[in-house]
Amino acid sequence: MLTDDELENLVAACCEGDEEEAVWELAAAAAGEPGRVARYHRRLLGARVFGRSEVYRGADLATTGALVAMVDEGDPEPYLLRDCVAAGDPGVAHEAFVRWRDSVDIDDHTRSAGWELDREGRRRDLVVGRAFALLAVDEEAEAGEAVFGGESGEHCPWCGMELHYALDLPPGSAAAKALSLPTADHVRVLACPRCTDYGTVLSEYDGEGGCVWSAGNVRPPWNGPVLDGWDPYPNRLVLGPARPPGASGSAWHDGGSTLGGQPEWIQDPEQPACSRCGRTMLFVSMNCGSELWGGEGCLYVFVDLDCRTGAVLYQQS
């Protein structure tokens, strides 16, 4: 966590034009504690600091309205500005993107901020609940219900490794209650410790604890070298404390694994579609390599609660 002086110096560096590295640090600070950065929004806007939309997460009516006005008045950086608008005040952003949807492709902007417009122009959130830390425990530890990492007893049709649960939320569990899930289903999503690194893995659950590999999976052209040397996930992740309101985890720093909230992407945002209905799936968790296997990268988990489908994808630098 940055001190007040460190945050002030970071904002000053961004406003003085030293954006390339400083704005990434500021975006990380805003993702972790949006409220602390919000008081600098008008100053950052005046200095045209638009390189990372996370900086404007939780922006108020006035700041979001000012960003919208810049787009409408023909600012030379409309793409970056629309990203920032999408992260700002929900009402102002919704109204603006309803107007813009007929003239520009808006989906990349809104989805990167965790929402989209449906066909009727209504806002549909693509995230589930507020953010909670996920804490790593050794697979032998008795430390509560594993949200990530439990063995499924099923095996990957592509490589033969045992599949693990990338998400396991029994009804009434602490994690399911934390997210206030609008379902009484037992929500489960599968991942392969090997093949998920090379392509999105889809699964389907029955709501009563059953979860199977989806027939909609498409095998990647290459899924790694020979099986020798591949190990199951050595750690599991269990529910930890709540993160600040509006916050997300971090794909770059230790302790970043998170249930709920918004994802922090290592590469470009990827929002998988449900294999049954085609809708954009809801983001549920990010599970970082630093907690799981002591390395880099992150596993992102998505669900469609209506169709009972799940997806897991992997990114690394």
C-alpha atoms as a PDB file:
ATOM      1  CA  MET A   1       0.000   0.000   0.000  1.00  0.00           C
ATOM      2  CA  LEU A   2       1.318   3.437  -0.967  1.00  0.00           C
ATOM      3  CA  THR A   3       1.710   6.126   1.668  1.00  0.00           C
ATOM      4  CA  ASP A   4      -0.062   9.444   1.087  1.00  0.00           C
ATOM      5  CA  ASP A   5       3.243  11.045   0.103  1.00  0.00           C
ATOM      6  CA  GLU A   6       4.056   8.232  -2.324  1.00  0.00           C
ATOM      7  CA  LEU A   7       0.630   8.542  -3.929  1.00  0.00           C
ATOM      8  CA  GLU A   8       1.014  12.318  -4.222  1.00  0.00           C
ATOM      9  CA  ASN A   9       4.419  11.902  -5.868  1.00  0.00           C
ATOM     10  CA  LEU A  10       3.021   9.309  -8.262  1.00  0.00           C
ATOM     11  CA  VAL A  11       0.191  11.607  -9.322  1.00  0.00           C
ATOM     12  CA  ALA A  12       2.669  14.451  -9.776  1.00  0.00           C
ATOM     13  CA  ALA A  13       4.879  12.267 -11.981  1.00  0.00           C
ATOM     14  CA  CYS A  14       1.884  11.354 -14.151  1.00  0.00           C
ATOM     15  CA  CYS A  15       0.781  14.972 -14.466  1.00  0.00           C
ATOM     16  CA  GLU A  16       4.292  16.109 -15.383  1.00  0.00           C
ATOM     17  CA  GLY A  17       4.345  13.749 -18.342  1.00  0.00           C
ATOM     18  CA  ASP A  18       6.346  10.853 -16.879  1.00  0.00           C
ATOM     19  CA  GLU A  19       3.446   8.569 -17.733  1.00  0.00           C
ATOM     20  CA  GLU A  20       4.950   5.415 -19.138  1.00  0.00           C
ATOM     21  CA  GLU A  21       5.773   3.753 -15.820  1.00  0.00           C
ATOM     22  CA  ALA A  22       4.041   6.011 -13.319  1.00  0.00           C
ATOM     23  CA  VAL A  23       0.584   5.622 -14.827  1.00  0.00           C
ATOM     24  CA  TRP A  24       0.842   1.831 -14.543  1.00  0.00           C
ATOM     25  CA  GLU A  25       1.682   2.194 -10.862  1.00  0.00           C
ATOM     26  CA  LEU A  26      -1.179   4.633 -10.398  1.00  0.00           C
ATOM     27  CA  ALA A  27      -3.592   2.259 -12.159  1.00  0.00           C
ATOM     28  CA  ALA A  28      -2.537  -0.516  -9.788  1.00  0.00           C
ATOM     29  CA  ALA A  29      -3.143   1.789  -6.823  1.00  0.00           C
ATOM     30  CA  ALA A  30      -6.590   2.718  -8.163  1.00  0.00           C
ATOM     31  CA  ALA A  31      -7.496  -0.930  -8.717  1.00  0.00           C
ATOM     32  CA  GLY A  32      -6.535  -1.772  -5.141  1.00  0.00           C
ATOM     33  CA  GLU A  33      -8.007   1.304  -3.453  1.00  0.00           C
ATOM     34  CA  PRO A  34     -10.164   3.345  -5.850  1.00  0.00           C
ATOM     35  CA  GLY A  35     -11.258   5.813  -3.194  1.00  0.00           C
ATOM     36  CA  ARG A  36      -7.736   7.074  -2.540  1.00  0.00           C
ATOM     37  CA  VAL A  37      -7.108   7.956  -6.191  1.00  0.00           C
ATOM     38  CA  ALA A  38     -10.561   9.450  -6.834  1.00  0.00           C
ATOM     39  CA  ARG A  39      -9.656  12.748  -5.169  1.00  0.00           C
ATOM     40  CA  TYR A  40      -7.026  13.319  -7.866  1.00  0.00           C
ATOM     41  CA  HIS A  41      -9.295  12.691 -10.845  1.00  0.00           C
ATOM     42  CA  ARG A  42      -9.856  16.293 -11.912  1.00  0.00           C
ATOM     43  CA  ARG A  43      -6.151  17.026 -11.650  1.00  0.00           C
ATOM     44  CA  LEU A  44      -5.300  13.960 -13.742  1.00  0.00           C
ATOM     45  CA  LEU A  45      -7.977  14.841 -16.280  1.00  0.00           C
ATOM     46  CA  GLY A  46      -6.577  18.348 -16.626  1.00  0.00           C
ATOM     47  CA  ALA A  47      -3.126  16.875 -17.309  1.00  0.00           C
ATOM     48  CA  ARG A  48      -4.611  14.449 -19.880  1.00  0.00           C
ATOM     49  CA  VAL A  49      -3.557  11.307 -18.053  1.00  0.00           C
ATOM     50  CA  PHE A  50      -5.629   8.760 -19.968  1.00  0.00           C
ATOM     51  CA  GLY A  51      -3.214   5.873 -20.553  1.00  0.00           C
ATOM     52  CA  ARG A  52      -4.881   3.449 -18.109  1.00  0.00           C
ATOM     53  CA  SER A  53      -8.634   3.505 -17.599  1.00  0.00           C
ATOM     54  CA  GLU A  54      -8.367   1.926 -14.127  1.00  0.00           C
ATOM     55  CA  VAL A  55      -7.161   5.322 -12.910  1.00  0.00           C
ATOM     56  CA  TYR A  56     -10.739   6.606 -13.325  1.00  0.00           C
ATOM     57  CA  ARG A  57     -12.456   3.671 -11.640  1.00  0.00           C
ATOM     58  CA  GLY A  58     -15.208   5.042  -9.444  1.00  0.00           C
ATOM     59  CA  ALA A  59     -15.033   8.544 -10.932  1.00  0.00           C
ATOM     60  CA  ASP A  60     -17.899  10.802  -9.846  1.00  0.00           C
ATOM     61  CA  LEU A  61     -20.636  12.354 -11.978  1.00  0.00           C
ATOM     62  CA  ALA A  62     -18.674  15.507 -12.724  1.00  0.00           C
ATOM     63  CA  THR A  63     -15.441  13.789 -13.726  1.00  0.00           C
ATOM     64  CA  THR A  64     -17.189  11.185 -15.876  1.00  0.00           C
ATOM     65  CA  GLY A  65     -19.305  13.905 -17.462  1.00  0.00           C
ATOM     66  CA  ALA A  66     -16.169  15.888 -18.300  1.00  0.00           C
ATOM     67  CA  LEU A  67     -14.652  12.834 -19.981  1.00  0.00           C
ATOM     68  CA  VAL A  68     -17.853  12.333 -22.005  1.00  0.00           C
ATOM     69  CA  ALA A  69     -17.835  15.981 -23.071  1.00  0.00           C
ATOM     70  CA  MET A  70     -14.251  15.635 -24.342  1.00  0.00           C
ATOM     71  CA  VAL A  71     -15.288  12.715 -26.549  1.00  0.00           C
ATOM     72  CA  ASP A  72     -18.372  14.556 -27.830  1.00  0.00           C
ATOM     73  CA  GLU A  73     -16.313  17.655 -28.618  1.00  0.00           C
ATOM     74  CA  GLY A  74     -13.928  15.720 -30.863  1.00  0.00           C
ATOM     75  CA  ASP A  75     -10.912  15.168 -28.619  1.00  0.00           C
ATOM     76  CA  PRO A  76      -8.024  13.552 -30.569  1.00  0.00           C
ATOM     77  CA  GLU A  77      -7.885  10.571 -28.180  1.00  0.00           C
ATOM     78  CA  PRO A  78     -11.478   9.285 -28.177  1.00  0.00           C
ATOM     79  CA  TYR A  79     -10.562   5.608 -27.755  1.00  0.00           C
ATOM     80  CA  LEU A  80      -8.646   6.158 -24.510  1.00  0.00           C
ATOM     81  CA  LEU A  81     -11.310   8.539 -23.254  1.00  0.00           C
ATOM     82  CA  ARG A  82     -14.113   6.047 -23.876  1.00  0.00           C
ATOM     83  CA  ASP A  83     -12.165   3.468 -21.849  1.00  0.00           C
ATOM     84  CA  CYS A  84     -11.997   5.963 -18.982  1.00  0.00           C
ATOM     85  CA  VAL A  85     -15.704   6.793 -19.270  1.00  0.00           C
ATOM     86  CA  ALA A  86     -16.595   3.105 -19.050  1.00  0.00           C
ATOM     87  CA  ALA A  87     -14.745   2.864 -15.726  1.00  0.00           C
ATOM     88  CA  GLY A  88     -16.487   5.906 -14.272  1.00  0.00           C
ATOM     89  CA  ASP A  89     -19.924   6.755 -12.884  1.00  0.00           C
ATOM     90  CA  PRO A  90     -22.333   3.953 -13.977  1.00  0.00           C
ATOM     91  CA  GLY A  91     -25.256   6.216 -14.848  1.00  0.00           C
ATOM     92  CA  VAL A  92     -23.280   8.748 -16.879  1.00  0.00           C
ATOM     93  CA  ALA A  93     -21.302   6.008 -18.621  1.00  0.00           C
ATOM     94  CA  HIS A  94     -24.439   4.054 -19.490  1.00  0.00           C
ATOM     95  CA  GLU A  95     -26.134   7.066 -21.031  1.00  0.00           C
ATOM     96  CA  ALA A  96     -23.050   7.944 -23.072  1.00  0.00           C
ATOM     97  CA  PHE A  97     -22.503   4.467 -24.485  1.00  0.00           C
ATOM     98  CA  VAL A  98     -26.178   4.134 -25.436  1.00  0.00           C
ATOM     99  CA  ARG A  99     -25.654   7.250 -27.585  1.00  0.00           C
ATOM    100  CA  TRP A 100     -22.313   6.082 -28.999  1.00  0.00           C
ATOM    101  CA  ARG A 101     -23.231   2.475 -29.793  1.00  0.00           C
ATOM    102  CA  ASP A 102     -24.582   3.276 -33.272  1.00  0.00           C
ATOM    103  CA  SER A 103     -21.431   5.067 -34.388  1.00  0.00           C
ATOM    104  CA  VAL A 104     -18.577   3.105 -32.777  1.00  0.00           C
ATOM    105  CA  ASP A 105     -17.867  -0.424 -31.543  1.00  0.00           C
ATOM    106  CA  ILE A 106     -18.358  -0.032 -27.795  1.00  0.00           C
ATOM    107  CA  ASP A 107     -17.951  -3.596 -26.531  1.00  0.00           C
ATOM    108  CA  ASP A 108     -14.194  -3.497 -25.942  1.00  0.00           C
ATOM    109  CA  HIS A 109     -14.602  -0.343 -23.861  1.00  0.00           C
ATOM    110  CA  THR A 110     -17.452  -1.485 -21.653  1.00  0.00           C
ATOM    111  CA  ARG A 111     -16.332  -5.088 -21.194  1.00  0.00           C
ATOM    112  CA  SER A 112     -12.867  -4.021 -20.085  1.00  0.00           C
ATOM    113  CA  ALA A 113     -14.659  -2.092 -17.313  1.00  0.00           C
ATOM    114  CA  GLY A 114     -16.804  -5.090 -16.321  1.00  0.00           C
ATOM    115  CA  TRP A 115     -20.116  -4.444 -18.039  1.00  0.00           C
ATOM    116  CA  GLU A 116     -21.872  -4.362 -21.401  1.00  0.00           C
ATOM    117  CA  LEU A 117     -25.072  -3.184 -23.038  1.00  0.00           C
ATOM    118  CA  ASP A 118     -27.680  -5.784 -23.940  1.00  0.00           C
ATOM    119  CA  ARG A 119     -29.742  -5.594 -27.115  1.00  0.00           C
ATOM    120  CA  GLU A 120     -32.291  -3.334 -25.433  1.00  0.00           C
ATOM    121  CA  GLY A 121     -29.582  -0.934 -24.263  1.00  0.00           C
ATOM    122  CA  ARG A 122     -29.698  -2.001 -20.619  1.00  0.00           C
ATOM    123  CA  ARG A 123     -26.521  -2.268 -18.586  1.00  0.00           C
ATOM    124  CA  ARG A 124     -25.470  -5.845 -17.779  1.00  0.00           C
ATOM    125  CA  ASP A 125     -22.711  -6.252 -15.210  1.00  0.00           C
ATOM    126  CA  LEU A 126     -20.079  -8.867 -16.018  1.00  0.00           C
ATOM    127  CA  VAL A 127     -18.689  -9.209 -12.491  1.00  0.00           C
ATOM    128  CA  VAL A 128     -20.018 -11.039  -9.427  1.00  0.00           C
ATOM    129  CA  GLY A 129     -19.985  -9.351  -6.029  1.00  0.00           C
ATOM    130  CA  ARG A 130     -17.295  -7.355  -4.256  1.00  0.00           C
ATOM    131  CA  ALA A 131     -13.693  -8.534  -4.099  1.00  0.00           C
ATOM    132  CA  PHE A 132     -12.272 -10.903  -1.482  1.00  0.00           C
ATOM    133  CA  ALA A 133      -8.673 -12.035  -1.197  1.00  0.00           C
ATOM    134  CA  LEU A 134      -7.911 -15.685  -1.890  1.00  0.00           C
ATOM    135  CA  LEU A 135      -5.214 -17.139   0.358  1.00  0.00           C
ATOM    136  CA  ALA A 136      -2.844 -19.968  -0.543  1.00  0.00           C
ATOM    137  CA  VAL A 137      -2.638 -23.080   1.626  1.00  0.00           C
ATOM    138  CA  ASP A 138      -0.702 -26.295   1.089  1.00  0.00           C
ATOM    139  CA  GLU A 139      -2.890 -29.039  -0.391  1.00  0.00           C
ATOM    140  CA  GLU A 140      -2.515 -31.052   2.820  1.00  0.00           C
ATOM    141  CA  ALA A 141      -3.582 -28.192   5.099  1.00  0.00           C
ATOM    142  CA  GLU A 142      -6.899 -28.139   6.897  1.00  0.00           C
ATOM    143  CA  ALA A 143      -7.758 -24.514   6.291  1.00  0.00           C
ATOM    144  CA  GLY A 144     -11.388 -24.330   5.264  1.00  0.00           C
ATOM    145  CA  GLU A 145     -13.168 -24.942   1.972  1.00  0.00           C
ATOM    146  CA  ALA A 146     -10.917 -24.678  -1.099  1.00  0.00           C
ATOM    147  CA  VAL A 147     -12.320 -22.218  -3.622  1.00  0.00           C
ATOM    148  CA  PHE A 148      -9.567 -23.249  -6.053  1.00  0.00           C
ATOM    149  CA  GLY A 149      -7.503 -26.415  -6.388  1.00  0.00           C
ATOM    150  CA  GLY A 150      -9.514 -29.392  -5.203  1.00  0.00           C
ATOM    151  CA  GLU A 151      -9.159 -32.600  -7.228  1.00  0.00           C
ATOM    152  CA  SER A 152     -12.191 -33.564  -9.280  1.00  0.00           C
ATOM    153  CA  GLY A 153     -11.471 -37.222  -9.922  1.00  0.00           C
ATOM    154  CA  GLU A 154     -11.986 -36.532 -13.647  1.00  0.00           C
ATOM    155  CA  HIS A 155      -9.146 -36.522 -16.188  1.00  0.00           C
ATOM    156  CA  CYS A 156      -8.308 -34.290 -19.121  1.00  0.00           C
ATOM    157  CA  PRO A 157      -9.269 -35.901 -22.460  1.00  0.00           C
ATOM    158  CA  TRP A 158      -6.320 -34.156 -24.113  1.00  0.00           C
ATOM    159  CA  CYS A 159      -3.390 -34.984 -21.822  1.00  0.00           C
ATOM    160  CA  GLY A 160      -4.721 -37.361 -19.163  1.00  0.00           C
ATOM    161  CA  MET A 161      -3.869 -35.217 -16.142  1.00  0.00           C
ATOM    162  CA  GLU A 162      -6.386 -35.044 -13.323  1.00  0.00           C
ATOM    163  CA  LEU A 163      -8.675 -32.052 -13.594  1.00  0.00           C
ATOM    164  CA  HIS A 164      -8.902 -29.654 -10.642  1.00  0.00           C
ATOM    165  CA  TYR A 165     -11.671 -27.309  -9.608  1.00  0.00           C
ATOM    166  CA  ALA A 166     -10.777 -23.780 -10.665  1.00  0.00           C
ATOM    167  CA  LEU A 167     -13.911 -22.717  -8.788  1.00  0.00           C
ATOM    168  CA  ASP A 168     -15.816 -24.640  -6.119  1.00  0.00           C
ATOM    169  CA  LEU A 169     -18.720 -22.817  -4.454  1.00  0.00           C
ATOM    170  CA  PRO A 170     -21.072 -25.130  -2.560  1.00  0.00           C
ATOM    171  CA  PRO A 171     -24.402 -23.500  -1.651  1.00  0.00           C
ATOM    172  CA  GLY A 172     -24.176 -21.971   1.800  1.00  0.00           C
ATOM    173  CA  SER A 173     -20.366 -21.936   1.805  1.00  0.00           C
ATOM    174  CA  ALA A 174     -18.573 -18.860   3.118  1.00  0.00           C
ATOM    175  CA  ALA A 175     -17.352 -18.003  -0.387  1.00  0.00           C
ATOM    176  CA  ALA A 176     -20.814 -18.322  -1.967  1.00  0.00           C
ATOM    177  CA  LYS A 177     -22.266 -16.123   0.788  1.00  0.00           C
ATOM    178  CA  ALA A 178     -19.484 -13.576   0.350  1.00  0.00           C
ATOM    179  CA  LEU A 179     -20.414 -13.152  -3.311  1.00  0.00           C
ATOM    180  CA  SER A 180     -24.173 -13.109  -2.594  1.00  0.00           C
ATOM    181  CA  LEU A 181     -24.673 -15.455  -5.525  1.00  0.00           C
ATOM    182  CA  PRO A 182     -28.247 -15.320  -6.903  1.00  0.00           C
ATOM    183  CA  THR A 183     -28.450 -19.108  -7.054  1.00  0.00           C
ATOM    184  CA  ALA A 184     -28.693 -22.110  -4.740  1.00  0.00           C
ATOM    185  CA  ASP A 185     -26.573 -24.177  -7.138  1.00  0.00           C
ATOM    186  CA  HIS A 186     -23.277 -25.831  -6.313  1.00  0.00           C
ATOM    187  CA  VAL A 187     -21.149 -23.868  -8.796  1.00  0.00           C
ATOM    188  CA  ARG A 188     -18.071 -25.678 -10.112  1.00  0.00           C
ATOM    189  CA  VAL A 189     -15.588 -25.005 -12.928  1.00  0.00           C
ATOM    190  CA  LEU A 190     -12.831 -27.353 -14.116  1.00  0.00           C
ATOM    191  CA  ALA A 191      -9.237 -26.644 -15.145  1.00  0.00           C
ATOM    192  CA  CYS A 192      -6.405 -28.810 -16.437  1.00  0.00           C
ATOM    193  CA  PRO A 193      -3.021 -27.980 -14.828  1.00  0.00           C
ATOM    194  CA  ARG A 194      -1.411 -28.409 -18.237  1.00  0.00           C
ATOM    195  CA  CYS A 195      -3.829 -27.650 -21.053  1.00  0.00           C
ATOM    196  CA  THR A 196      -5.412 -24.516 -19.552  1.00  0.00           C
ATOM    197  CA  ASP A 197      -2.047 -22.817 -20.155  1.00  0.00           C
ATOM    198  CA  TYR A 198      -2.572 -23.189 -23.909  1.00  0.00           C
ATOM    199  CA  GLY A 199      -6.262 -22.548 -24.488  1.00  0.00           C
ATOM    200  CA  THR A 200      -9.570 -21.736 -22.805  1.00  0.00           C
ATOM    201  CA  VAL A 201     -11.073 -24.755 -21.027  1.00  0.00           C
ATOM    202  CA  LEU A 202     -14.873 -25.000 -20.840  1.00  0.00           C
ATOM    203  CA  SER A 203     -16.913 -27.080 -18.407  1.00  0.00           C
ATOM    204  CA  GLU A 204     -20.542 -27.646 -17.435  1.00  0.00           C
ATOM    205  CA  TYR A 205     -22.027 -28.246 -13.975  1.00  0.00           C
ATOM    206  CA  ASP A 206     -25.386 -29.651 -12.894  1.00  0.00           C
ATOM    207  CA  GLY A 207     -25.894 -27.535  -9.754  1.00  0.00           C
ATOM    208  CA  GLU A 208     -25.725 -30.552  -7.432  1.00  0.00           C
ATOM    209  CA  GLY A 209     -21.949 -31.046  -7.369  1.00  0.00           C
ATOM    210  CA  GLY A 210     -21.446 -32.680 -10.747  1.00  0.00           C
ATOM    211  CA  CYS A 211     -19.112 -30.995 -13.220  1.00  0.00           C
ATOM    212  CA  VAL A 212     -17.900 -32.303 -16.582  1.00  0.00           C
ATOM    213  CA  TRP A 213     -15.606 -31.386 -19.430  1.00  0.00           C
ATOM    214  CA  SER A 214     -17.572 -29.512 -22.118  1.00  0.00           C
ATOM    215  CA  ALA A 215     -18.083 -31.003 -25.555  1.00  0.00           C
ATOM    216  CA  GLY A 216     -17.533 -27.469 -26.845  1.00  0.00           C
ATOM    217  CA  ASN A 217     -13.820 -27.483 -25.977  1.00  0.00           C
ATOM    218  CA  VAL A 218     -11.482 -26.991 -28.935  1.00  0.00           C
ATOM    219  CA  ARG A 219      -8.062 -28.563 -28.531  1.00  0.00           C
ATOM    220  CA  PRO A 220      -5.233 -26.069 -29.102  1.00  0.00           C
ATOM    221  CA  PRO A 221      -2.747 -26.877 -31.888  1.00  0.00           C
ATOM    222  CA  TRP A 222      -0.061 -27.465 -29.229  1.00  0.00           C
ATOM    223  CA  ASN A 223      -0.512 -28.098 -25.508  1.00  0.00           C
ATOM    224  CA  GLY A 224       3.025 -28.205 -24.229  1.00  0.00           C
ATOM    225  CA  PRO A 225       5.907 -30.654 -24.239  1.00  0.00           C
ATOM    226  CA  VAL A 226       5.719 -34.258 -23.038  1.00  0.00           C
ATOM    227  CA  LEU A 227       3.816 -34.839 -19.819  1.00  0.00           C
ATOM    228  CA  ASP A 228       6.953 -35.532 -17.786  1.00  0.00           C
ATOM    229  CA  GLY A 229       7.596 -32.586 -15.478  1.00  0.00           C
ATOM    230  CA  TRP A 230       4.002 -31.368 -15.251  1.00  0.00           C
ATOM    231  CA  ASP A 231       2.657 -31.355 -11.702  1.00  0.00           C
ATOM    232  CA  PRO A 232      -0.808 -30.738 -10.246  1.00  0.00           C
ATOM    233  CA  TYR A 233      -1.402 -27.371  -8.625  1.00  0.00           C
ATOM    234  CA  PRO A 234       0.647 -27.612  -5.385  1.00  0.00           C
ATOM    235  CA  ASN A 235      -1.490 -25.135  -3.454  1.00  0.00           C
ATOM    236  CA  ARG A 236      -5.151 -24.488  -2.926  1.00  0.00           C
ATOM    237  CA  LEU A 237      -6.836 -21.128  -2.443  1.00  0.00           C
ATOM    238  CA  VAL A 238      -9.326 -20.391   0.335  1.00  0.00           C
ATOM    239  CA  LEU A 239     -11.483 -17.373   1.110  1.00  0.00           C
ATOM    240  CA  GLY A 240      -9.654 -14.470   2.746  1.00  0.00           C
ATOM    241  CA  PRO A 241     -10.670 -10.989   3.907  1.00  0.00           C
ATOM    242  CA  ALA A 242     -12.709  -8.500   1.910  1.00  0.00           C
ATOM    243  CA  ARG A 243     -10.834  -6.009  -0.238  1.00  0.00           C
ATOM    244  CA  PRO A 244     -11.787  -2.286  -0.168  1.00  0.00           C
ATOM    245  CA  PRO A 245     -15.077  -1.354  -1.910  1.00  0.00           C
ATOM    246  CA  GLY A 246     -14.634  -1.197  -5.681  1.00  0.00           C
ATOM    247  CA  ALA A 247     -11.202  -2.832  -5.519  1.00  0.00           C
ATOM    248  CA  SER A 248      -9.820  -5.742  -7.515  1.00  0.00           C
ATOM    249  CA  GLY A 249      -6.880  -8.058  -7.107  1.00  0.00           C
ATOM    250  CA  SER A 250      -3.484  -7.854  -8.765  1.00  0.00           C
ATOM    251  CA  ALA A 251      -2.082 -10.142 -11.437  1.00  0.00           C
ATOM    252  CA  TRP A 252       1.396  -8.705 -10.853  1.00  0.00           C
ATOM    253  CA  HIS A 253       1.929  -8.698  -7.100  1.00  0.00           C
ATOM    254  CA  ASP A 254       2.043 -11.408  -4.454  1.00  0.00           C
ATOM    255  CA  GLY A 255      -1.270 -11.782  -2.661  1.00  0.00           C
ATOM    256  CA  GLY A 256      -3.266 -10.711  -5.729  1.00  0.00           C
ATOM    257  CA  SER A 257      -5.530 -13.764  -6.091  1.00  0.00           C
ATOM    258  CA  THR A 258      -9.125 -12.607  -5.725  1.00  0.00           C
ATOM    259  CA  LEU A 259     -12.699 -13.867  -5.660  1.00  0.00           C
ATOM    260  CA  GLY A 260     -15.176 -11.362  -7.093  1.00  0.00           C
ATOM    261  CA  GLY A 261     -14.462  -7.791  -8.099  1.00  0.00           C
ATOM    262  CA  GLN A 262     -12.906  -7.024 -11.468  1.00  0.00           C
ATOM    263  CA  PRO A 263      -9.970  -8.769 -13.154  1.00  0.00           C
ATOM    264  CA  GLU A 264      -6.587  -7.195 -13.706  1.00  0.00           C
ATOM    265  CA  TRP A 265      -5.423  -8.387 -17.089  1.00  0.00           C
ATOM    266  CA  ILE A 266      -1.827  -9.267 -17.925  1.00  0.00           C
ATOM    267  CA  GLN A 267      -2.531  -9.118 -21.660  1.00  0.00           C
ATOM    268  CA  ASP A 268      -5.578  -7.736 -23.481  1.00  0.00           C
ATOM    269  CA  PRO A 269      -8.957  -8.397 -21.840  1.00  0.00           C
ATOM    270  CA  GLU A 270     -10.577 -11.707 -22.832  1.00  0.00           C
ATOM    271  CA  GLN A 271     -14.262 -12.216 -22.082  1.00  0.00           C
ATOM    272  CA  PRO A 272     -15.307 -15.757 -23.094  1.00  0.00           C
ATOM    273  CA  ALA A 273     -18.791 -16.427 -24.388  1.00  0.00           C
ATOM    274  CA  CYS A 274     -21.056 -19.085 -22.892  1.00  0.00           C
ATOM    275  CA  SER A 275     -20.825 -22.316 -24.909  1.00  0.00           C
ATOM    276  CA  ARG A 276     -24.612 -22.731 -24.706  1.00  0.00           C
ATOM    277  CA  CYS A 277     -26.234 -19.311 -25.168  1.00  0.00           C
ATOM    278  CA  GLY A 278     -23.373 -17.184 -26.539  1.00  0.00           C
ATOM    279  CA  ARG A 279     -23.666 -14.434 -23.929  1.00  0.00           C
ATOM    280  CA  THR A 280     -20.579 -12.908 -22.383  1.00  0.00           C
ATOM    281  CA  MET A 281     -19.762 -14.859 -19.218  1.00  0.00           C
ATOM    282  CA  LEU A 282     -19.390 -13.351 -15.738  1.00  0.00           C
ATOM    283  CA  PHE A 283     -15.928 -12.960 -14.225  1.00  0.00           C
ATOM    284  CA  VAL A 284     -15.683 -14.716 -10.845  1.00  0.00           C
ATOM    285  CA  SER A 285     -12.038 -15.069  -9.819  1.00  0.00           C
ATOM    286  CA  MET A 286      -8.385 -14.570 -10.681  1.00  0.00           C
ATOM    287  CA  ASN A 287      -5.899 -17.086  -9.341  1.00  0.00           C
ATOM    288  CA  CYS A 288      -2.273 -16.010  -9.513  1.00  0.00           C
ATOM    289  CA  GLY A 289       0.758 -18.137 -10.202  1.00  0.00           C
ATOM    290  CA  SER A 290       2.589 -16.486  -7.311  1.00  0.00           C
ATOM    291  CA  GLU A 291       0.141 -18.165  -4.905  1.00  0.00           C
ATOM    292  CA  LEU A 292      -0.428 -21.405  -6.821  1.00  0.00           C
ATOM    293  CA  TRP A 293       2.984 -22.520  -8.033  1.00  0.00           C
ATOM    294  CA  GLY A 294       5.400 -19.736  -7.062  1.00  0.00           C
ATOM    295  CA  GLY A 295       5.650 -18.338 -10.575  1.00  0.00           C
ATOM    296  CA  GLU A 296       4.086 -15.786 -12.878  1.00  0.00           C
ATOM    297  CA  GLY A 297       0.822 -15.824 -14.774  1.00  0.00           C
ATOM    298  CA  CYS A 298      -2.819 -15.878 -13.772  1.00  0.00           C
ATOM    299  CA  LEU A 299      -5.849 -18.130 -14.271  1.00  0.00           C
ATOM    300  CA  TYR A 300      -9.117 -16.249 -14.864  1.00  0.00           C
ATOM    301  CA  VAL A 301     -12.429 -17.995 -14.113  1.00  0.00           C
ATOM    302  CA  PHE A 302     -15.854 -17.208 -15.611  1.00  0.00           C
ATOM    303  CA  VAL A 303     -19.378 -18.619 -15.287  1.00  0.00           C
ATOM    304  CA  ASP A 304     -22.831 -18.344 -16.776  1.00  0.00           C
ATOM    305  CA  LEU A 305     -25.115 -18.938 -13.786  1.00  0.00           C
ATOM    306  CA  ASP A 306     -28.204 -19.458 -15.942  1.00  0.00           C
ATOM    307  CA  CYS A 307     -26.690 -22.003 -18.334  1.00  0.00           C
ATOM    308  CA  ARG A 308     -24.470 -23.606 -15.661  1.00  0.00           C
ATOM    309  CA  THR A 309     -21.311 -23.291 -17.739  1.00  0.00           C
ATOM    310  CA  GLY A 310     -17.788 -22.281 -16.793  1.00  0.00           C
ATOM    311  CA  ALA A 311     -14.560 -21.220 -18.500  1.00  0.00           C
ATOM    312  CA  VAL A 312     -10.928 -20.840 -17.425  1.00  0.00           C
ATOM    313  CA  LEU A 313      -8.218 -19.036 -19.371  1.00  0.00           C
ATOM    314  CA  TYR A 314      -4.577 -18.259 -18.656  1.00  0.00           C
ATOM    315  CA  GLN A 315      -2.421 -15.211 -19.301  1.00  0.00           C
ATOM    316  CA  GLN A 316       1.225 -14.454 -18.607  1.00  0.00           C
ATOM    317  CA  SER A 317       3.648 -11.720 -19.572  1.00  0.00           C
END
